[in-house]
Amino acid sequence: MTDTDLDQMHAAERPKARPRRFGAVVIWMHWTTVVLIVALFASALSIGLAANGDQADLLLTIHRSLGVTTWIVALCRLGWRLTLAYLPPFPETMPKLQQKIATLSEYALYALMLTQPLTGLAQSFARGRPFHLFSLAVPQVMERDKGLVHLFSQIHEITAWTLLGLICVHVLAALFHRFILNDEVFQSMAPWKPKGLHR
């Protein structure tokens, strides 16, 4: 038996390296969520700058519709993650505590993306008048309750800024991995496939 044959046998016995990149579905939903959240914050900030009431109502309809879309995408993402998604392993050099923090922050993002649109809808219902989602008219379901409107408005605003803060931490962590640690965490979710990355 030659040395080449021995090398091939040893290579076959070694476990195959796990891919360092998320699946296409996860990556597509991740970046779709990014676009939706940017549009959500842009539409929310634009409402206060609207030239008139009609323009503000249109922006609010867009904002609500984007919120529902974000909720649906987030629910699909979470369902896919818990059932069919491939999750690349953390880098071997990443401490266990940091891995746990990364996982907890990710689930915190899911929690906020799922609750944030619901608080916005609750606020809309509490106003006690019909409103639009996409091109559909949602009828009035309750009398106006100023206390609930104020409560859900406060929750919606606080959780929005909390979501934005977590997103900023998420982005900074990804950039830290990319440019300081120089590992494959950032590339594993990049919308393009980096050269030299194992799958």
N, C-alpha and C. Protein backbone atom coordinates (compact mmCIF):
# COMPACT_ATOMS: atom_id res chain seq x y z
N MET A 1 0.86 -1.20 0.00
CA MET A 1 0.00 0.00 0.00
C MET A 1 0.89 1.24 0.00
N THR A 2 0.60 2.16 -0.90
CA THR A 2 1.42 3.35 -1.03
C THR A 2 1.04 4.41 -0.01
N ASP A 3 1.91 5.43 0.11
CA ASP A 3 1.62 6.56 1.01
C ASP A 3 0.37 7.29 0.56
N THR A 4 0.16 7.38 -0.74
CA THR A 4 -1.04 8.05 -1.27
C THR A 4 -2.30 7.33 -0.83
N ASP A 5 -2.26 5.99 -0.90
CA ASP A 5 -3.42 5.21 -0.46
C ASP A 5 -3.70 5.42 1.02
N LEU A 6 -2.65 5.48 1.83
CA LEU A 6 -2.82 5.71 3.26
C LEU A 6 -3.42 7.09 3.53
N ASP A 7 -2.93 8.09 2.80
CA ASP A 7 -3.46 9.45 2.96
C ASP A 7 -4.94 9.49 2.61
N GLN A 8 -5.32 8.81 1.55
CA GLN A 8 -6.73 8.80 1.14
C GLN A 8 -7.60 8.09 2.18
N MET A 9 -7.07 7.01 2.77
CA MET A 9 -7.82 6.30 3.80
C MET A 9 -8.01 7.18 5.04
N HIS A 10 -6.96 7.86 5.43
CA HIS A 10 -7.05 8.73 6.60
C HIS A 10 -8.01 9.90 6.35
N ALA A 11 -7.98 10.42 5.13
CA ALA A 11 -8.88 11.53 4.79
C ALA A 11 -10.33 11.07 4.83
N ALA A 12 -10.58 9.84 4.39
CA ALA A 12 -11.95 9.32 4.40
C ALA A 12 -12.44 9.09 5.82
N GLU A 13 -11.51 8.76 6.73
CA GLU A 13 -11.89 8.50 8.12
C GLU A 13 -12.15 9.79 8.89
N ARG A 14 -11.54 10.89 8.47
CA ARG A 14 -11.73 12.15 9.18
C ARG A 14 -13.14 12.67 8.93
N PRO A 15 -13.80 13.25 9.95
CA PRO A 15 -15.14 13.82 9.75
C PRO A 15 -15.08 15.02 8.82
N LYS A 16 -16.08 15.12 7.97
CA LYS A 16 -16.13 16.25 7.03
C LYS A 16 -16.43 17.55 7.78
N ALA A 17 -15.77 18.62 7.35
CA ALA A 17 -16.00 19.93 7.99
C ALA A 17 -17.41 20.41 7.71
N ARG A 18 -18.03 20.95 8.74
CA ARG A 18 -19.39 21.47 8.56
C ARG A 18 -19.34 22.79 7.79
N PRO A 19 -20.27 23.03 6.89
CA PRO A 19 -20.28 24.28 6.13
C PRO A 19 -20.30 25.49 7.06
N ARG A 20 -19.60 26.55 6.67
CA ARG A 20 -19.49 27.75 7.49
C ARG A 20 -20.46 28.84 7.05
N ARG A 21 -21.48 28.46 6.27
CA ARG A 21 -22.39 29.46 5.72
C ARG A 21 -23.84 28.99 5.89
N PHE A 22 -24.72 29.94 6.22
CA PHE A 22 -26.14 29.62 6.34
C PHE A 22 -26.70 29.21 4.98
N GLY A 23 -27.86 28.54 5.01
CA GLY A 23 -28.53 28.17 3.78
C GLY A 23 -29.13 29.36 3.07
N ALA A 24 -29.44 29.18 1.79
CA ALA A 24 -29.95 30.27 0.96
C ALA A 24 -31.25 30.85 1.49
N VAL A 25 -32.13 30.01 2.03
CA VAL A 25 -33.43 30.50 2.54
C VAL A 25 -33.22 31.42 3.73
N VAL A 26 -32.34 31.04 4.65
CA VAL A 26 -32.06 31.86 5.83
C VAL A 26 -31.46 33.20 5.42
N ILE A 27 -30.51 33.15 4.50
CA ILE A 27 -29.86 34.39 4.05
C ILE A 27 -30.86 35.30 3.36
N TRP A 28 -31.72 34.73 2.52
CA TRP A 28 -32.72 35.53 1.81
C TRP A 28 -33.68 36.19 2.80
N MET A 29 -34.16 35.44 3.79
CA MET A 29 -35.10 36.00 4.77
C MET A 29 -34.42 37.04 5.66
N HIS A 30 -33.15 36.82 5.97
CA HIS A 30 -32.41 37.78 6.80
C HIS A 30 -32.34 39.14 6.12
N TRP A 31 -31.93 39.15 4.87
CA TRP A 31 -31.76 40.43 4.18
C TRP A 31 -33.09 41.05 3.77
N THR A 32 -34.11 40.23 3.57
CA THR A 32 -35.46 40.77 3.38
C THR A 32 -35.92 41.49 4.64
N THR A 33 -35.62 40.91 5.80
CA THR A 33 -35.96 41.55 7.07
C THR A 33 -35.22 42.87 7.23
N VAL A 34 -33.96 42.91 6.83
CA VAL A 34 -33.18 44.15 6.91
C VAL A 34 -33.86 45.26 6.12
N VAL A 35 -34.24 44.95 4.88
CA VAL A 35 -34.90 45.95 4.02
C VAL A 35 -36.22 46.40 4.65
N LEU A 36 -37.00 45.46 5.18
CA LEU A 36 -38.29 45.80 5.79
C LEU A 36 -38.11 46.70 7.00
N ILE A 37 -37.14 46.41 7.85
CA ILE A 37 -36.95 47.21 9.06
C ILE A 37 -36.46 48.61 8.71
N VAL A 38 -35.57 48.72 7.73
CA VAL A 38 -35.14 50.05 7.28
C VAL A 38 -36.35 50.85 6.78
N ALA A 39 -37.20 50.20 6.00
CA ALA A 39 -38.40 50.86 5.47
C ALA A 39 -39.36 51.23 6.60
N LEU A 40 -39.47 50.38 7.62
CA LEU A 40 -40.34 50.66 8.76
C LEU A 40 -39.90 51.92 9.50
N PHE A 41 -38.61 52.02 9.82
CA PHE A 41 -38.13 53.20 10.52
C PHE A 41 -38.22 54.44 9.65
N ALA A 42 -37.95 54.29 8.36
CA ALA A 42 -38.05 55.43 7.45
C ALA A 42 -39.48 55.95 7.36
N SER A 43 -40.44 55.03 7.25
CA SER A 43 -41.85 55.45 7.15
C SER A 43 -42.33 56.05 8.46
N ALA A 44 -41.88 55.48 9.61
CA ALA A 44 -42.30 56.02 10.91
C ALA A 44 -41.78 57.44 11.10
N LEU A 45 -40.53 57.67 10.76
CA LEU A 45 -39.96 59.01 10.91
C LEU A 45 -40.56 59.99 9.92
N SER A 46 -40.99 59.50 8.76
CA SER A 46 -41.56 60.38 7.73
C SER A 46 -42.96 60.86 8.08
N ILE A 47 -43.67 60.10 8.93
CA ILE A 47 -45.04 60.50 9.28
C ILE A 47 -45.06 61.88 9.92
N GLY A 48 -44.11 62.13 10.82
CA GLY A 48 -44.05 63.43 11.48
C GLY A 48 -43.65 64.56 10.55
N LEU A 49 -43.09 64.23 9.39
CA LEU A 49 -42.65 65.25 8.43
C LEU A 49 -43.65 65.44 7.29
N ALA A 50 -44.77 64.72 7.37
CA ALA A 50 -45.77 64.79 6.28
C ALA A 50 -46.31 66.20 6.13
N ALA A 51 -46.57 66.58 4.88
CA ALA A 51 -47.03 67.94 4.59
C ALA A 51 -48.48 68.15 4.99
N ASN A 52 -49.29 67.09 4.98
CA ASN A 52 -50.70 67.23 5.33
C ASN A 52 -51.22 65.90 5.88
N GLY A 53 -52.49 65.92 6.31
CA GLY A 53 -53.10 64.75 6.93
C GLY A 53 -53.21 63.56 6.00
N ASP A 54 -53.54 63.83 4.73
CA ASP A 54 -53.68 62.74 3.77
C ASP A 54 -52.34 62.03 3.56
N GLN A 55 -51.28 62.81 3.48
CA GLN A 55 -49.96 62.23 3.29
C GLN A 55 -49.55 61.42 4.53
N ALA A 56 -49.89 61.95 5.70
CA ALA A 56 -49.57 61.22 6.94
C ALA A 56 -50.35 59.92 7.01
N ASP A 57 -51.62 59.93 6.60
CA ASP A 57 -52.43 58.70 6.60
C ASP A 57 -51.86 57.66 5.65
N LEU A 58 -51.40 58.11 4.49
CA LEU A 58 -50.80 57.19 3.52
C LEU A 58 -49.52 56.55 4.09
N LEU A 59 -48.69 57.38 4.71
CA LEU A 59 -47.46 56.87 5.30
C LEU A 59 -47.76 55.91 6.45
N LEU A 60 -48.81 56.21 7.21
CA LEU A 60 -49.18 55.33 8.32
C LEU A 60 -49.68 53.98 7.79
N THR A 61 -50.42 54.01 6.69
CA THR A 61 -50.89 52.77 6.06
C THR A 61 -49.70 51.95 5.57
N ILE A 62 -48.74 52.63 4.95
CA ILE A 62 -47.53 51.94 4.49
C ILE A 62 -46.79 51.34 5.69
N HIS A 63 -46.69 52.12 6.77
CA HIS A 63 -45.97 51.66 7.96
C HIS A 63 -46.66 50.43 8.57
N ARG A 64 -47.97 50.48 8.68
CA ARG A 64 -48.70 49.33 9.23
C ARG A 64 -48.53 48.09 8.35
N SER A 65 -48.62 48.30 7.05
CA SER A 65 -48.50 47.17 6.11
C SER A 65 -47.11 46.56 6.17
N LEU A 66 -46.10 47.40 6.26
CA LEU A 66 -44.74 46.90 6.40
C LEU A 66 -44.57 46.14 7.71
N GLY A 67 -45.23 46.64 8.77
CA GLY A 67 -45.15 45.97 10.06
C GLY A 67 -45.73 44.56 10.01
N VAL A 68 -46.88 44.42 9.37
CA VAL A 68 -47.49 43.09 9.23
C VAL A 68 -46.60 42.18 8.39
N THR A 69 -46.03 42.71 7.32
CA THR A 69 -45.13 41.92 6.48
C THR A 69 -43.92 41.46 7.27
N THR A 70 -43.35 42.37 8.07
CA THR A 70 -42.20 42.03 8.91
C THR A 70 -42.57 40.92 9.90
N TRP A 71 -43.76 41.01 10.48
CA TRP A 71 -44.22 40.00 11.44
C TRP A 71 -44.31 38.63 10.76
N ILE A 72 -44.86 38.60 9.55
CA ILE A 72 -45.00 37.33 8.82
C ILE A 72 -43.62 36.75 8.49
N VAL A 73 -42.71 37.59 8.01
CA VAL A 73 -41.37 37.13 7.67
C VAL A 73 -40.64 36.63 8.92
N ALA A 74 -40.77 37.37 10.03
CA ALA A 74 -40.11 36.96 11.27
C ALA A 74 -40.66 35.63 11.77
N LEU A 75 -41.96 35.44 11.65
CA LEU A 75 -42.57 34.17 12.07
C LEU A 75 -42.07 33.02 11.19
N CYS A 76 -41.97 33.27 9.89
CA CYS A 76 -41.45 32.24 8.98
C CYS A 76 -39.98 31.94 9.29
N ARG A 77 -39.22 33.00 9.58
CA ARG A 77 -37.81 32.81 9.91
C ARG A 77 -37.64 31.95 11.15
N LEU A 78 -38.42 32.26 12.19
CA LEU A 78 -38.31 31.52 13.43
C LEU A 78 -38.73 30.06 13.23
N GLY A 79 -39.83 29.86 12.49
CA GLY A 79 -40.28 28.51 12.21
C GLY A 79 -39.25 27.72 11.43
N TRP A 80 -38.64 28.37 10.44
CA TRP A 80 -37.61 27.70 9.62
C TRP A 80 -36.39 27.38 10.47
N ARG A 81 -36.01 28.34 11.32
CA ARG A 81 -34.83 28.13 12.18
C ARG A 81 -35.01 26.94 13.11
N LEU A 82 -36.21 26.81 13.66
CA LEU A 82 -36.47 25.76 14.64
C LEU A 82 -36.71 24.40 14.00
N THR A 83 -36.87 24.34 12.69
CA THR A 83 -37.21 23.07 12.05
C THR A 83 -36.20 22.65 10.98
N LEU A 84 -36.04 23.44 9.94
CA LEU A 84 -35.28 23.01 8.77
C LEU A 84 -33.96 23.73 8.53
N ALA A 85 -33.73 24.83 9.24
CA ALA A 85 -32.56 25.65 8.93
C ALA A 85 -31.26 24.96 9.33
N TYR A 86 -30.23 25.18 8.51
CA TYR A 86 -28.88 24.75 8.87
C TYR A 86 -28.20 25.90 9.58
N LEU A 87 -27.66 25.66 10.77
CA LEU A 87 -26.97 26.68 11.55
C LEU A 87 -25.49 26.35 11.59
N PRO A 88 -24.66 27.16 10.95
CA PRO A 88 -23.22 26.88 10.96
C PRO A 88 -22.68 26.93 12.39
N PRO A 89 -21.67 26.18 12.68
CA PRO A 89 -21.09 26.22 14.03
C PRO A 89 -20.40 27.56 14.28
N PHE A 90 -20.35 27.95 15.54
CA PHE A 90 -19.57 29.14 15.90
C PHE A 90 -18.09 28.84 15.65
N PRO A 91 -17.29 29.88 15.43
CA PRO A 91 -15.84 29.65 15.31
C PRO A 91 -15.29 29.00 16.58
N GLU A 92 -14.32 28.11 16.42
CA GLU A 92 -13.76 27.41 17.57
C GLU A 92 -13.09 28.37 18.55
N THR A 93 -12.66 29.52 18.05
CA THR A 93 -11.99 30.49 18.92
C THR A 93 -12.97 31.37 19.70
N MET A 94 -14.26 31.25 19.44
CA MET A 94 -15.27 32.09 20.09
C MET A 94 -15.61 31.51 21.46
N PRO A 95 -15.42 32.27 22.54
CA PRO A 95 -15.70 31.76 23.88
C PRO A 95 -17.16 31.33 24.04
N LYS A 96 -17.39 30.35 24.92
CA LYS A 96 -18.73 29.83 25.14
C LYS A 96 -19.69 30.92 25.61
N LEU A 97 -19.21 31.80 26.50
CA LEU A 97 -20.08 32.87 27.00
C LEU A 97 -20.51 33.78 25.87
N GLN A 98 -19.59 34.11 24.99
CA GLN A 98 -19.92 34.96 23.84
C GLN A 98 -20.92 34.27 22.92
N GLN A 99 -20.78 32.96 22.77
CA GLN A 99 -21.72 32.20 21.95
C GLN A 99 -23.14 32.28 22.55
N LYS A 100 -23.24 32.14 23.87
CA LYS A 100 -24.53 32.21 24.54
C LYS A 100 -25.14 33.60 24.41
N ILE A 101 -24.31 34.64 24.54
CA ILE A 101 -24.80 36.00 24.40
C ILE A 101 -25.31 36.24 22.97
N ALA A 102 -24.58 35.74 22.00
CA ALA A 102 -24.99 35.89 20.60
C ALA A 102 -26.33 35.21 20.35
N THR A 103 -26.50 34.01 20.90
CA THR A 103 -27.76 33.28 20.73
C THR A 103 -28.91 33.99 21.42
N LEU A 104 -28.68 34.48 22.63
CA LEU A 104 -29.73 35.19 23.37
C LEU A 104 -30.12 36.49 22.67
N SER A 105 -29.14 37.21 22.14
CA SER A 105 -29.45 38.46 21.45
C SER A 105 -30.25 38.20 20.17
N GLU A 106 -29.94 37.07 19.51
CA GLU A 106 -30.68 36.72 18.30
C GLU A 106 -32.14 36.43 18.62
N TYR A 107 -32.38 35.67 19.70
CA TYR A 107 -33.76 35.38 20.07
C TYR A 107 -34.47 36.63 20.60
N ALA A 108 -33.73 37.55 21.20
CA ALA A 108 -34.32 38.82 21.62
C ALA A 108 -34.78 39.62 20.40
N LEU A 109 -34.00 39.57 19.33
CA LEU A 109 -34.40 40.23 18.08
C LEU A 109 -35.68 39.61 17.52
N TYR A 110 -35.75 38.28 17.56
CA TYR A 110 -36.97 37.61 17.10
C TYR A 110 -38.17 38.05 17.94
N ALA A 111 -37.99 38.09 19.26
CA ALA A 111 -39.09 38.46 20.16
C ALA A 111 -39.59 39.86 19.86
N LEU A 112 -38.67 40.78 19.63
CA LEU A 112 -39.07 42.16 19.34
C LEU A 112 -39.73 42.27 17.98
N MET A 113 -39.20 41.56 16.98
CA MET A 113 -39.80 41.62 15.64
C MET A 113 -41.21 41.03 15.63
N LEU A 114 -41.48 40.10 16.56
CA LEU A 114 -42.81 39.48 16.61
C LEU A 114 -43.79 40.29 17.46
N THR A 115 -43.29 40.98 18.48
CA THR A 115 -44.20 41.75 19.35
C THR A 115 -44.40 43.18 18.87
N GLN A 116 -43.39 43.75 18.24
CA GLN A 116 -43.48 45.16 17.82
C GLN A 116 -44.66 45.43 16.89
N PRO A 117 -44.86 44.66 15.83
CA PRO A 117 -46.03 44.92 14.97
C PRO A 117 -47.36 44.73 15.70
N LEU A 118 -47.40 43.81 16.67
CA LEU A 118 -48.65 43.57 17.39
C LEU A 118 -49.02 44.76 18.28
N THR A 119 -48.03 45.41 18.88
CA THR A 119 -48.33 46.60 19.69
C THR A 119 -48.80 47.74 18.81
N GLY A 120 -48.25 47.82 17.58
CA GLY A 120 -48.72 48.84 16.65
C GLY A 120 -50.16 48.61 16.23
N LEU A 121 -50.49 47.35 15.94
CA LEU A 121 -51.87 47.02 15.57
C LEU A 121 -52.82 47.26 16.75
N ALA A 122 -52.38 46.90 17.96
CA ALA A 122 -53.22 47.13 19.14
C ALA A 122 -53.51 48.61 19.32
N GLN A 123 -52.51 49.43 19.06
CA GLN A 123 -52.70 50.89 19.13
C GLN A 123 -53.72 51.35 18.10
N SER A 124 -53.64 50.79 16.89
CA SER A 124 -54.58 51.17 15.83
C SER A 124 -56.00 50.76 16.19
N PHE A 125 -56.17 49.57 16.74
CA PHE A 125 -57.51 49.12 17.15
C PHE A 125 -58.06 49.98 18.28
N ALA A 126 -57.18 50.37 19.22
CA ALA A 126 -57.62 51.16 20.37
C ALA A 126 -58.06 52.56 19.99
N ARG A 127 -57.66 53.01 18.80
CA ARG A 127 -58.09 54.34 18.35
C ARG A 127 -59.58 54.37 18.03
N GLY A 128 -60.17 53.19 17.82
CA GLY A 128 -61.62 53.11 17.65
C GLY A 128 -62.12 53.61 16.31
N ARG A 129 -61.34 53.42 15.27
CA ARG A 129 -61.80 53.80 13.94
C ARG A 129 -61.19 52.87 12.90
N PRO A 130 -61.82 52.76 11.73
CA PRO A 130 -61.29 51.87 10.69
C PRO A 130 -59.92 52.36 10.22
N PHE A 131 -59.14 51.43 9.69
CA PHE A 131 -57.84 51.79 9.10
C PHE A 131 -57.54 50.80 7.98
N HIS A 132 -56.48 51.07 7.25
CA HIS A 132 -56.13 50.23 6.10
C HIS A 132 -54.84 49.46 6.35
N LEU A 133 -54.83 48.22 5.86
CA LEU A 133 -53.62 47.42 5.76
C LEU A 133 -53.50 47.00 4.31
N PHE A 134 -52.38 47.39 3.69
CA PHE A 134 -52.24 47.21 2.24
C PHE A 134 -53.43 47.92 1.58
N SER A 135 -54.23 47.23 0.81
CA SER A 135 -55.40 47.87 0.19
C SER A 135 -56.69 47.42 0.87
N LEU A 136 -56.58 46.74 2.01
CA LEU A 136 -57.74 46.21 2.70
C LEU A 136 -58.17 47.13 3.83
N ALA A 137 -59.48 47.34 3.94
CA ALA A 137 -60.03 48.15 5.02
C ALA A 137 -60.30 47.27 6.24
N VAL A 138 -59.73 47.66 7.37
CA VAL A 138 -59.95 46.94 8.63
C VAL A 138 -61.03 47.70 9.40
N PRO A 139 -62.15 47.06 9.72
CA PRO A 139 -63.25 47.78 10.37
C PRO A 139 -62.95 48.11 11.83
N GLN A 140 -63.71 49.03 12.36
CA GLN A 140 -63.61 49.35 13.79
C GLN A 140 -64.07 48.15 14.61
N VAL A 141 -63.29 47.80 15.63
CA VAL A 141 -63.64 46.64 16.46
C VAL A 141 -63.91 47.02 17.91
N MET A 142 -63.65 48.28 18.28
CA MET A 142 -63.88 48.72 19.66
C MET A 142 -64.02 50.23 19.69
N GLU A 143 -64.56 50.73 20.78
CA GLU A 143 -64.65 52.17 20.97
C GLU A 143 -63.27 52.72 21.31
N ARG A 144 -63.07 53.98 21.01
CA ARG A 144 -61.77 54.61 21.30
C ARG A 144 -61.49 54.56 22.80
N ASP A 145 -60.27 54.14 23.12
CA ASP A 145 -59.82 54.08 24.51
C ASP A 145 -58.50 54.84 24.60
N LYS A 146 -58.57 56.08 25.10
CA LYS A 146 -57.38 56.93 25.13
C LYS A 146 -56.27 56.32 25.98
N GLY A 147 -56.67 55.66 27.08
CA GLY A 147 -55.67 55.05 27.95
C GLY A 147 -54.90 53.95 27.24
N LEU A 148 -55.61 53.10 26.50
CA LEU A 148 -54.95 52.02 25.77
C LEU A 148 -54.11 52.57 24.62
N VAL A 149 -54.62 53.60 23.95
CA VAL A 149 -53.85 54.22 22.87
C VAL A 149 -52.51 54.71 23.40
N HIS A 150 -52.56 55.40 24.54
CA HIS A 150 -51.33 55.93 25.13
C HIS A 150 -50.41 54.80 25.57
N LEU A 151 -50.97 53.77 26.20
CA LEU A 151 -50.17 52.65 26.68
C LEU A 151 -49.46 51.94 25.52
N PHE A 152 -50.23 51.57 24.49
CA PHE A 152 -49.62 50.85 23.37
C PHE A 152 -48.67 51.74 22.57
N SER A 153 -48.96 53.03 22.54
CA SER A 153 -48.06 53.96 21.86
C SER A 153 -46.70 54.00 22.56
N GLN A 154 -46.73 54.06 23.91
CA GLN A 154 -45.49 54.08 24.68
C GLN A 154 -44.71 52.77 24.50
N ILE A 155 -45.42 51.64 24.58
CA ILE A 155 -44.76 50.34 24.42
C ILE A 155 -44.16 50.23 23.02
N HIS A 156 -44.92 50.67 22.02
CA HIS A 156 -44.47 50.58 20.63
C HIS A 156 -43.21 51.41 20.42
N GLU A 157 -43.17 52.58 21.01
CA GLU A 157 -42.01 53.46 20.83
C GLU A 157 -40.79 52.91 21.58
N ILE A 158 -40.99 52.47 22.82
CA ILE A 158 -39.87 51.95 23.60
C ILE A 158 -39.27 50.71 22.95
N THR A 159 -40.14 49.80 22.52
CA THR A 159 -39.63 48.57 21.90
C THR A 159 -38.98 48.85 20.54
N ALA A 160 -39.46 49.89 19.86
CA ALA A 160 -38.84 50.26 18.58
C ALA A 160 -37.39 50.69 18.80
N TRP A 161 -37.16 51.54 19.80
CA TRP A 161 -35.80 51.99 20.07
C TRP A 161 -34.94 50.86 20.63
N THR A 162 -35.57 49.96 21.40
CA THR A 162 -34.84 48.79 21.90
C THR A 162 -34.42 47.90 20.73
N LEU A 163 -35.33 47.70 19.78
CA LEU A 163 -35.01 46.92 18.59
C LEU A 163 -33.86 47.56 17.82
N LEU A 164 -33.92 48.87 17.64
CA LEU A 164 -32.87 49.57 16.92
C LEU A 164 -31.53 49.43 17.64
N GLY A 165 -31.56 49.52 18.98
CA GLY A 165 -30.33 49.35 19.75
C GLY A 165 -29.73 47.97 19.58
N LEU A 166 -30.58 46.94 19.63
CA LEU A 166 -30.09 45.57 19.45
C LEU A 166 -29.54 45.36 18.04
N ILE A 167 -30.20 45.97 17.07
CA ILE A 167 -29.72 45.85 15.69
C ILE A 167 -28.33 46.49 15.56
N CYS A 168 -28.14 47.65 16.19
CA CYS A 168 -26.83 48.31 16.14
C CYS A 168 -25.75 47.44 16.78
N VAL A 169 -26.07 46.81 17.91
CA VAL A 169 -25.12 45.90 18.56
C VAL A 169 -24.82 44.72 17.65
N HIS A 170 -25.87 44.20 17.00
CA HIS A 170 -25.73 43.07 16.07
C HIS A 170 -24.80 43.44 14.92
N VAL A 171 -25.00 44.62 14.35
CA VAL A 171 -24.17 45.07 13.23
C VAL A 171 -22.72 45.27 13.68
N LEU A 172 -22.53 45.92 14.83
CA LEU A 172 -21.18 46.16 15.33
C LEU A 172 -20.45 44.84 15.62
N ALA A 173 -21.19 43.86 16.16
CA ALA A 173 -20.59 42.56 16.43
C ALA A 173 -20.16 41.89 15.14
N ALA A 174 -21.02 41.97 14.10
CA ALA A 174 -20.68 41.38 12.81
C ALA A 174 -19.43 42.03 12.22
N LEU A 175 -19.34 43.36 12.31
CA LEU A 175 -18.17 44.07 11.79
C LEU A 175 -16.92 43.75 12.61
N PHE A 176 -17.10 43.57 13.91
CA PHE A 176 -15.98 43.19 14.77
C PHE A 176 -15.42 41.83 14.36
N HIS A 177 -16.31 40.89 14.08
CA HIS A 177 -15.87 39.57 13.62
C HIS A 177 -15.18 39.66 12.26
N ARG A 178 -15.70 40.55 11.42
CA ARG A 178 -15.15 40.64 10.06
C ARG A 178 -13.77 41.30 10.03
N PHE A 179 -13.63 42.44 10.72
CA PHE A 179 -12.42 43.24 10.55
C PHE A 179 -11.42 43.12 11.70
N ILE A 180 -11.85 42.69 12.87
CA ILE A 180 -10.94 42.56 14.00
C ILE A 180 -10.55 41.09 14.22
N LEU A 181 -11.55 40.24 14.40
CA LEU A 181 -11.26 38.82 14.62
C LEU A 181 -10.94 38.10 13.32
N ASN A 182 -11.44 38.65 12.21
CA ASN A 182 -11.17 38.08 10.88
C ASN A 182 -11.57 36.61 10.79
N ASP A 183 -12.73 36.29 11.39
CA ASP A 183 -13.25 34.93 11.24
C ASP A 183 -14.38 34.94 10.20
N GLU A 184 -15.19 33.88 10.17
CA GLU A 184 -16.17 33.73 9.09
C GLU A 184 -17.61 34.03 9.51
N VAL A 185 -17.79 34.68 10.66
CA VAL A 185 -19.14 34.95 11.15
C VAL A 185 -19.89 35.88 10.21
N PHE A 186 -19.26 36.98 9.83
CA PHE A 186 -19.91 37.94 8.93
C PHE A 186 -20.18 37.32 7.57
N GLN A 187 -19.19 36.62 7.03
CA GLN A 187 -19.34 36.04 5.71
C GLN A 187 -20.40 34.95 5.66
N SER A 188 -20.70 34.34 6.80
CA SER A 188 -21.68 33.25 6.82
C SER A 188 -23.09 33.73 6.49
N MET A 189 -23.34 35.04 6.66
CA MET A 189 -24.67 35.59 6.36
C MET A 189 -24.62 36.64 5.26
N ALA A 190 -23.48 36.84 4.64
CA ALA A 190 -23.35 37.84 3.59
C ALA A 190 -24.28 37.49 2.42
N PRO A 191 -24.87 38.50 1.76
CA PRO A 191 -25.76 38.22 0.63
C PRO A 191 -25.03 37.67 -0.58
N TRP A 192 -23.73 37.79 -0.60
CA TRP A 192 -22.91 37.21 -1.66
C TRP A 192 -22.04 36.12 -1.03
N LYS A 193 -21.57 35.19 -1.84
CA LYS A 193 -20.70 34.13 -1.31
C LYS A 193 -19.25 34.56 -1.41
N PRO A 194 -18.61 34.83 -0.27
CA PRO A 194 -17.21 35.28 -0.30
C PRO A 194 -16.30 34.19 -0.87
N LYS A 195 -15.25 34.63 -1.54
CA LYS A 195 -14.30 33.69 -2.09
C LYS A 195 -13.52 33.01 -0.97
N GLY A 196 -13.26 31.74 -1.11
CA GLY A 196 -12.46 31.03 -0.14
C GLY A 196 -13.23 30.53 1.06
N LEU A 197 -14.50 30.88 1.19
CA LEU A 197 -15.30 30.42 2.32
C LEU A 197 -15.76 29.00 2.06
N HIS A 198 -15.64 28.15 3.09
CA HIS A 198 -16.09 26.76 2.94
C HIS A 198 -17.60 26.73 2.86
N ARG A 199 -18.09 26.64 1.66
CA ARG A 199 -19.52 26.62 1.35
C ARG A 199 -20.23 27.86 1.85
